[in-house]
């Protein structure tokens, strides 16, 4: 049982977190549909609010309009193109736009379907131009990827400059084919992209040609090895300000949002640690995108207890990962809380 004092502290903490996240929040009530649901039902409820096919506000872009959209969705602080496949590029919007020739890295950027278009059948609207999986990337590195699935590489057959992106046989249990591994700093971005794609297009999944990562179903949608990998990427590379800004920019252009950026813990309710648990929507801001990965015990602490996000005391964190609350009782009897991410 959680003490009354701890409940007050959690409520106070919730208020602080809510204030921090106002810039990233969708319209009030946007995700109310997930309340009380579990597992596949959470995913289907999200489909109802983010699916382009059900969203009257959705604006399906033409393929050529993507170039203009990138100016606002993928602009670095220095005004250059934000390339997630190469770390040596300084592309200028428009000027360095793809001319059709990719002789080497750093020459031009193109329109990358991070979720390859062959997996959903090609030039099919609206997924063909859905900005939530389209990014401007180095054309040469993009060609090295082709339509390879994401994965984690053992021995490499190709690396981009500085080993930023890699190609080679997958080293994960469950799949040994050739994969493309993005840089660690963007693995979470791509994981949340992939969670979005099988949610926003849930009704189309059984009709897609598919790939090595998909299982042909609406749920869980991905193969077990892929789910484990994507969840790990999602946890180890939390939502960044870049993603928050991009989520808001994409909404202004095409009219929907990526729920796994707004509320990262939803992935845990669908595929991860909180499966079988009903979503408490009122508490979702406790599972927000401001992870604190530092753990420091106050010098004056008399005791510390660990609670999971459902408010249950955790007696051992061995083999556990995800978000937890550390509750410290000070020597003077006062109590403080700290939210931490165990990787």
Protein backbone atom coordinates (compact mmCIF):
# COMPACT_ATOMS: atom_id res chain seq x y z
CA UNK A 1 0.00 0.00 0.00
CA UNK A 2 1.14 3.55 -0.75
CA UNK A 3 1.00 5.91 2.19
CA UNK A 4 -1.09 9.07 2.15
CA UNK A 5 2.12 11.12 2.22
CA UNK A 6 3.45 9.35 -0.84
CA UNK A 7 0.18 9.86 -2.69
CA UNK A 8 0.42 13.59 -2.01
CA UNK A 9 3.99 13.57 -3.30
CA UNK A 10 3.01 11.71 -6.45
CA UNK A 11 0.18 14.18 -7.08
CA UNK A 12 2.60 17.07 -6.66
CA UNK A 13 5.07 15.33 -8.95
CA UNK A 14 2.34 14.80 -11.51
CA UNK A 15 1.58 18.51 -11.53
CA UNK A 16 5.23 19.40 -12.10
CA UNK A 17 5.55 16.89 -14.94
CA UNK A 18 2.33 18.14 -16.55
CA UNK A 19 3.70 21.70 -16.60
CA UNK A 20 6.93 20.48 -18.17
CA UNK A 21 5.05 18.67 -20.94
CA UNK A 22 2.54 21.32 -21.96
CA UNK A 23 4.56 22.09 -25.07
CA UNK A 24 4.25 18.47 -26.22
CA UNK A 25 0.63 17.75 -25.39
CA UNK A 26 -2.13 17.12 -27.94
CA UNK A 27 -5.56 18.68 -27.60
CA UNK A 28 -7.41 17.90 -24.37
CA UNK A 29 -9.15 14.53 -24.51
CA UNK A 30 -7.34 13.43 -27.66
CA UNK A 31 -6.25 10.11 -26.13
CA UNK A 32 -9.13 9.51 -23.72
CA UNK A 33 -10.12 6.50 -25.81
CA UNK A 34 -7.34 4.37 -24.32
CA UNK A 35 -8.62 4.66 -20.75
CA UNK A 36 -9.29 1.26 -19.17
CA UNK A 37 -8.08 -0.72 -22.19
CA UNK A 38 -5.35 -3.37 -22.37
CA UNK A 39 -2.92 -4.78 -24.91
CA UNK A 40 -4.40 -5.01 -28.42
CA UNK A 41 -7.40 -2.90 -27.39
CA UNK A 42 -5.07 0.02 -26.58
CA UNK A 43 -3.55 -0.20 -30.06
CA UNK A 44 -6.98 -0.37 -31.73
CA UNK A 45 -8.22 2.60 -29.69
CA UNK A 46 -5.21 4.63 -30.85
CA UNK A 47 -5.95 3.59 -34.42
CA UNK A 48 -9.35 5.24 -34.05
CA UNK A 49 -7.78 8.64 -33.30
CA UNK A 50 -4.58 8.70 -35.39
CA UNK A 51 -5.44 6.62 -38.47
CA UNK A 52 -5.39 8.78 -41.61
CA UNK A 53 -8.34 6.80 -43.00
CA UNK A 54 -10.52 7.87 -40.04
CA UNK A 55 -9.22 11.40 -39.55
CA UNK A 56 -11.16 14.08 -41.42
CA UNK A 57 -8.37 16.53 -40.61
CA UNK A 58 -5.71 14.39 -42.30
CA UNK A 59 -4.02 16.08 -45.23
CA UNK A 60 -2.42 13.56 -47.57
CA UNK A 61 0.58 15.18 -49.25
CA UNK A 62 1.78 14.66 -52.77
CA UNK A 63 5.23 13.12 -53.13
CA UNK A 64 6.69 16.42 -54.34
CA UNK A 65 5.21 18.31 -51.37
CA UNK A 66 7.45 16.33 -49.04
CA UNK A 67 10.42 18.46 -50.04
CA UNK A 68 8.68 21.58 -48.73
CA UNK A 69 7.42 19.83 -45.60
CA UNK A 70 10.98 18.88 -44.62
CA UNK A 71 11.83 22.58 -44.26
CA UNK A 72 9.76 22.67 -41.06
CA UNK A 73 9.79 19.03 -39.88
CA UNK A 74 13.51 18.28 -40.20
CA UNK A 75 15.45 21.51 -39.81
CA UNK A 76 18.48 21.49 -37.52
CA UNK A 77 19.06 24.43 -35.16
CA UNK A 78 21.67 25.74 -37.62
CA UNK A 79 19.13 25.72 -40.47
CA UNK A 80 20.58 22.68 -42.24
CA UNK A 81 18.80 19.40 -43.08
CA UNK A 82 18.54 17.03 -40.09
CA UNK A 83 19.97 13.80 -41.50
CA UNK A 84 19.47 10.69 -39.34
CA UNK A 85 21.54 8.33 -41.51
CA UNK A 86 24.80 10.30 -41.76
CA UNK A 87 26.63 12.59 -39.33
CA UNK A 88 28.91 14.29 -41.85
CA UNK A 89 26.26 16.07 -43.91
CA UNK A 90 25.42 19.77 -43.91
CA UNK A 91 22.77 19.80 -46.59
CA UNK A 92 21.04 23.03 -47.58
CA UNK A 93 17.31 22.71 -48.19
CA UNK A 94 16.49 22.80 -51.89
CA UNK A 95 20.08 23.31 -53.06
CA UNK A 96 21.21 19.82 -52.05
CA UNK A 97 17.92 18.12 -52.85
CA UNK A 98 18.22 14.75 -54.60
CA UNK A 99 19.31 15.02 -58.23
CA UNK A 100 19.19 11.27 -58.85
CA UNK A 101 22.91 10.52 -58.53
CA UNK A 102 24.50 9.20 -55.33
CA UNK A 103 28.17 8.61 -56.05
CA UNK A 104 29.24 9.00 -52.43
CA UNK A 105 28.06 10.06 -49.00
CA UNK A 106 27.42 13.75 -48.48
CA UNK A 107 26.32 14.67 -52.01
CA UNK A 108 22.53 15.02 -51.72
CA UNK A 109 19.56 14.19 -49.52
CA UNK A 110 16.44 12.33 -50.58
CA UNK A 111 13.05 11.23 -49.22
CA UNK A 112 13.58 8.13 -47.13
CA UNK A 113 10.72 5.78 -46.34
CA UNK A 114 12.20 4.59 -43.03
CA UNK A 115 9.41 1.99 -43.15
CA UNK A 116 10.16 0.84 -46.72
CA UNK A 117 7.34 1.37 -49.20
CA UNK A 118 7.66 -2.16 -50.60
CA UNK A 119 6.42 -3.43 -47.21
CA UNK A 120 3.01 -1.79 -47.75
CA UNK A 121 2.76 -2.22 -51.50
CA UNK A 122 4.51 0.79 -53.01
CA UNK A 123 3.08 4.17 -54.01
CA UNK A 124 -0.13 3.75 -52.05
CA UNK A 125 -1.74 6.76 -50.37
CA UNK A 126 -1.67 7.88 -47.62
CA UNK A 127 1.20 5.80 -46.19
CA UNK A 128 3.41 6.60 -49.19
CA UNK A 129 3.69 10.23 -48.07
CA UNK A 130 2.96 9.96 -44.35
CA UNK A 131 5.54 12.26 -42.75
CA UNK A 132 5.76 10.21 -39.59
CA UNK A 133 7.95 7.68 -41.38
CA UNK A 134 9.48 9.87 -44.08
CA UNK A 135 12.76 11.62 -43.33
CA UNK A 136 15.35 13.50 -45.38
CA UNK A 137 18.48 11.34 -45.41
CA UNK A 138 21.76 11.07 -47.28
CA UNK A 139 20.98 9.54 -50.66
CA UNK A 140 24.06 7.32 -50.79
CA UNK A 141 23.52 5.82 -47.32
CA UNK A 142 19.84 5.43 -48.12
CA UNK A 143 20.73 3.35 -51.19
CA UNK A 144 22.98 1.15 -49.06
CA UNK A 145 19.97 0.45 -46.87
CA UNK A 146 17.45 -0.15 -49.65
CA UNK A 147 14.50 -1.95 -48.08
CA UNK A 148 16.49 -3.82 -45.44
CA UNK A 149 14.81 -4.24 -42.06
CA UNK A 150 16.22 -2.46 -39.06
CA UNK A 151 18.33 -4.60 -36.77
CA UNK A 152 21.56 -4.83 -34.82
CA UNK A 153 24.64 -5.76 -36.79
CA UNK A 154 27.35 -8.22 -35.81
CA UNK A 155 30.02 -8.11 -38.53
CA UNK A 156 29.58 -5.20 -40.94
CA UNK A 157 29.45 -5.28 -44.73
CA UNK A 158 29.03 -1.49 -44.94
CA UNK A 159 29.41 1.46 -42.57
CA UNK A 160 28.71 5.12 -43.24
CA UNK A 161 31.33 7.71 -42.30
CA UNK A 162 32.52 7.23 -38.74
CA UNK A 163 30.51 4.01 -38.38
CA UNK A 164 27.33 6.05 -37.88
CA UNK A 165 25.03 3.67 -39.79
CA UNK A 166 25.80 0.01 -40.49
CA UNK A 167 24.78 -2.90 -42.70
CA UNK A 168 25.45 -6.55 -42.00
CA UNK A 169 24.03 -9.82 -40.66
CA UNK A 170 21.70 -9.42 -37.70
CA UNK A 171 23.13 -10.65 -34.39
CA UNK A 172 19.80 -10.86 -32.54
CA UNK A 173 18.11 -14.08 -31.50
CA UNK A 174 15.27 -14.79 -33.89
CA UNK A 175 16.69 -13.25 -37.06
CA UNK A 176 20.04 -13.61 -38.86
CA UNK A 177 19.39 -11.90 -42.19
CA UNK A 178 21.04 -8.70 -43.45
CA UNK A 179 19.86 -5.58 -41.62
CA UNK A 180 20.45 -1.85 -41.41
CA UNK A 181 21.41 -0.48 -37.99
CA UNK A 182 20.93 3.26 -37.40
CA UNK A 183 22.98 5.28 -34.92
CA UNK A 184 22.16 4.83 -31.23
CA UNK A 185 21.01 8.43 -30.89
CA UNK A 186 18.14 7.85 -33.34
CA UNK A 187 17.12 4.29 -32.52
CA UNK A 188 14.31 5.47 -30.27
CA UNK A 189 13.04 7.82 -32.97
CA UNK A 190 12.78 4.94 -35.43
CA UNK A 191 11.22 2.60 -32.86
CA UNK A 192 8.43 5.11 -32.21
CA UNK A 193 8.06 5.55 -35.97
CA UNK A 194 7.53 1.81 -36.32
CA UNK A 195 5.06 1.69 -33.42
CA UNK A 196 3.10 4.44 -35.19
CA UNK A 197 3.03 2.69 -38.56
CA UNK A 198 1.43 -0.54 -37.32
CA UNK A 199 -1.03 1.49 -35.25
CA UNK A 200 -2.09 4.14 -37.74
CA UNK A 201 -2.52 1.50 -40.48
CA UNK A 202 -3.79 -1.35 -38.33
CA UNK A 203 -6.67 -2.21 -40.66
CA UNK A 204 -4.30 -2.49 -43.64
CA UNK A 205 -1.67 -4.74 -42.06
CA UNK A 206 -3.10 -8.11 -43.17
CA UNK A 207 -3.20 -6.85 -46.78
CA UNK A 208 0.40 -5.62 -46.92
CA UNK A 209 3.10 -7.69 -48.70
CA UNK A 210 5.04 -7.49 -45.43
CA UNK A 211 8.66 -8.09 -44.54
CA UNK A 212 10.92 -9.92 -42.12
CA UNK A 213 9.85 -7.69 -39.21
CA UNK A 214 6.07 -7.95 -39.64
CA UNK A 215 4.06 -11.04 -38.67
CA UNK A 216 1.03 -10.38 -40.92
CA UNK A 217 -1.40 -9.76 -38.06
CA UNK A 218 -2.98 -6.62 -36.66
CA UNK A 219 -1.60 -7.56 -33.25
CA UNK A 220 1.13 -7.81 -32.21
CA UNK A 221 1.98 -6.88 -35.84
CA UNK A 222 5.74 -7.43 -35.42
CA UNK A 223 7.76 -10.60 -35.03
CA UNK A 224 8.90 -11.31 -31.48
CA UNK A 225 12.56 -10.48 -32.19
CA UNK A 226 11.53 -7.14 -33.69
CA UNK A 227 9.28 -6.26 -30.74
CA UNK A 228 12.07 -6.93 -28.27
CA UNK A 229 14.51 -4.84 -30.28
CA UNK A 230 12.15 -1.92 -30.84
CA UNK A 231 11.16 -1.80 -27.18
CA UNK A 232 14.83 -1.79 -26.18
CA UNK A 233 15.57 1.06 -28.58
CA UNK A 234 12.50 2.91 -27.31
CA UNK A 235 13.66 2.62 -23.69
CA UNK A 236 17.34 3.40 -24.21
CA UNK A 237 16.79 6.40 -26.49
CA UNK A 238 13.91 8.35 -24.90
CA UNK A 239 11.88 11.04 -26.65
CA UNK A 240 14.00 14.08 -27.49
CA UNK A 241 13.08 17.71 -28.05
CA UNK A 242 13.71 17.05 -31.74
CA UNK A 243 10.88 14.48 -31.76
CA UNK A 244 8.53 16.71 -29.77
CA UNK A 245 9.07 19.58 -32.20
CA UNK A 246 8.69 17.28 -35.20
CA UNK A 247 5.48 15.77 -33.84
CA UNK A 248 3.99 19.24 -33.51
CA UNK A 249 5.23 20.30 -36.96
CA UNK A 250 3.82 17.19 -38.66
CA UNK A 251 0.45 17.69 -36.98
CA UNK A 252 0.26 21.21 -38.44
CA UNK A 253 0.92 19.82 -41.92
CA UNK A 254 -1.01 16.56 -42.08
CA UNK A 255 -3.37 16.75 -39.10
CA UNK A 256 -2.50 13.78 -36.86
CA UNK A 257 0.06 12.91 -34.18
CA UNK A 258 2.34 10.07 -33.13
CA UNK A 259 0.96 8.89 -29.76
CA UNK A 260 4.21 7.13 -28.86
CA UNK A 261 5.95 10.50 -28.77
CA UNK A 262 3.20 12.12 -26.71
CA UNK A 263 2.95 9.17 -24.29
CA UNK A 264 5.93 6.81 -24.70
CA UNK A 265 4.61 4.39 -22.07
CA UNK A 266 1.74 3.38 -24.37
CA UNK A 267 4.20 1.06 -26.11
CA UNK A 268 4.66 -0.73 -22.79
CA UNK A 269 0.90 -1.23 -22.41
CA UNK A 270 0.66 -2.66 -25.93
CA UNK A 271 3.84 -4.73 -26.26
CA UNK A 272 5.93 -4.38 -23.10
CA UNK A 273 6.09 -4.40 -19.33
CA UNK A 274 2.51 -3.21 -18.74
CA UNK A 275 0.67 -5.68 -20.93
CA UNK A 276 -2.46 -7.06 -19.18
CA UNK A 277 -2.71 -3.82 -17.15
CA UNK A 278 -5.51 -1.39 -18.03
CA UNK A 279 -4.43 2.11 -18.97
CA UNK A 280 -5.25 4.79 -16.41
CA UNK A 281 -5.46 7.81 -18.67
CA UNK A 282 -5.50 10.28 -15.78
CA UNK A 283 -2.11 8.97 -14.73
CA UNK A 284 -0.52 8.89 -18.17
CA UNK A 285 1.49 12.05 -17.56
CA UNK A 286 3.42 10.09 -14.92
CA UNK A 287 4.72 8.04 -17.84
CA UNK A 288 5.86 11.10 -19.74
CA UNK A 289 8.83 11.68 -21.98
CA UNK A 290 11.09 13.34 -19.39
CA UNK A 291 13.28 10.46 -18.27
CA UNK A 292 15.73 10.98 -15.41
CA UNK A 293 18.51 8.45 -15.85
CA UNK A 294 20.55 9.63 -12.87
CA UNK A 295 20.23 7.88 -9.52
CA UNK A 296 21.74 9.58 -6.49
CA UNK A 297 20.77 8.73 -2.92
CA UNK A 298 20.56 11.83 -0.67
CA UNK A 299 23.20 11.72 2.05
CA UNK A 300 20.64 12.20 4.82
CA UNK A 301 18.33 9.40 3.64
CA UNK A 302 17.25 6.88 6.26
CA UNK A 303 15.57 4.50 3.80
CA UNK A 304 14.60 4.18 0.15
CA UNK A 305 11.78 2.24 -1.46
CA UNK A 306 11.14 1.55 -5.13
CA UNK A 307 7.70 1.65 -6.77
CA UNK A 308 6.69 0.84 -10.33
CA UNK A 309 4.43 3.10 -12.34
CA UNK A 310 1.35 1.26 -11.14
CA UNK A 311 2.20 2.24 -7.56
CA UNK A 312 3.34 -1.24 -6.49
CA UNK A 313 6.40 -1.58 -4.28
CA UNK A 314 9.29 -3.36 -6.01
CA UNK A 315 11.46 -5.50 -3.75
CA UNK A 316 14.07 -6.30 -6.38
CA UNK A 317 15.04 -4.54 -9.61
CA UNK A 318 17.19 -7.39 -10.87
CA UNK A 319 16.32 -8.02 -14.50
CA UNK A 320 13.85 -5.13 -14.49
CA UNK A 321 13.87 -2.16 -16.84
CA UNK A 322 11.69 0.85 -17.45
CA UNK A 323 10.53 3.77 -15.31
CA UNK A 324 10.37 3.61 -11.51
CA UNK A 325 9.85 5.93 -8.56
CA UNK A 326 12.47 6.06 -5.82
CA UNK A 327 10.94 7.25 -2.54
CA UNK A 328 13.45 8.46 0.04
CA UNK A 329 12.67 8.92 3.74
CA UNK A 330 15.08 11.48 5.16
CA UNK A 331 16.57 11.32 8.64
CA UNK A 332 14.30 14.21 9.66
CA UNK A 333 11.21 12.25 8.60
CA UNK A 334 10.59 14.15 5.38
CA UNK A 335 10.04 12.26 2.11
CA UNK A 336 11.20 12.99 -1.42
CA UNK A 337 10.67 11.19 -4.71
CA UNK A 338 12.80 10.73 -7.78
CA UNK A 339 11.78 9.22 -11.11
CA UNK A 340 14.42 7.10 -12.78
CA UNK A 341 14.86 4.91 -15.85
CA UNK A 342 16.49 1.52 -15.35
CA UNK A 343 18.14 0.36 -18.57
